[in-house]
Amino acid sequence: MNPMIARPLLMAGLLLVSGPALAEVYDHTPDCDRACLTGVMDQYLTAQTANDAKGLPLAKKVKVTENGAEMTLTDGLFKTADEPTFRMDIADPETGGIASELVVKEGDGFAFEMVRLKVADGRITEVERVVGRKGESGPMFVPDFATEPRTEFTQSIRPAERMSRLQLMAAADAYWRALETNGRPDYHPAPLLPGTLRIENGLPTTSGSGKHGGATGGPNGTPASSAPEQFNAGMFANRTIFHRRFPVVDVERGVVLSIARMGIDEGATEPAHWKGGRPILCEFFAIQGGVITAIDVVMKSTVPLQNDMPWPRDPLTISKSDPK
């Protein structure tokens, strides 16, 4: 079967699975629960602030990437970072994953960081970092945007109202589908509230609700509009999404971390702030009742295309824009 047909059919089939059947797959006591995973992230960030990995619970073999390039743990931001000034965590005890959205001091400046850890048998087996600094994503750089996370990302959802991890992934994937089809005849709107606020490296790039809702402009310097209005108007026409993944799904809080690369159709004008690179997007989607209520993004636009994100992807997430 054509994989482009198989992906939505399989996703639809999975979403129809009954609650008890899903419970057989996911209802078990994780090796490392939320508190355990948070404790491991605490240790990692303490080590990163000290620029010293001694004492970290590392597996014998640890895979590490930063902005899509493989490196040793103590290279990159790890050896230059100071303490965080902002932190938001999501945890996925079912898979041993935890991810943090961070603003960290770095010398006289700041950096946005997404760090994802994979924990197995109490030890870190994977470290994925995406780091964005001033000037690497155009106007998207406001490190003092907040001191604490928005409630959409931190509230615990009542068990009876929680969506399954597959349902949460499907809602996040629908956002990428809307981004790839906006401005085209096959446009599929995303499940967004009119007041859904998207914040990219600290800059609100949609109009929305809450104390951060006064966006001064869209991501390309356009007048501020809501997230649905931007898609409906085709603001991101000619954009493509590839190498997308959903490595951390926080079922308790209804938050999904999706990591993807953004490209552009051949012949279309490339945004100047990409500087010949292709953005890495780390998007935290807060989702309730199948609707995306808030989006936080850590990004870097100037990432070389050859930094190919050497992490495995589920066949269901492969899209038409992925390299053949």
Foldseek 3Di string as FASTA:
>chain_A
DPLQVVLVVVLVVVQPDDPVVVCVVQVDDFPADPVRLVVLVVLVQVQLQVLHCPPRQADPAAWEDELLHTDDPSDDSSNFWHHWQEWAKFAARSQQKIKIWTWTDGVPAIKTKIWMFHDDPSHTRYIYMYIAGPLQQPPQADSVLDRYDDVLRPDFDDPVFWDDLSLLVVLVLQVQQLLACQPHPPHDFHQADQQAWERENNATQAQHDDPNRPHCHHSQRHGHHGPRVCSNVRVNYQKHKFPKAFPGARRRSQKTWIWIWIDGHPPDDDDVSLVQAIKIWTWIFRDGPSHTRYIYIYMGRPRHVVSPNPDDHDSSSGDPPYDD
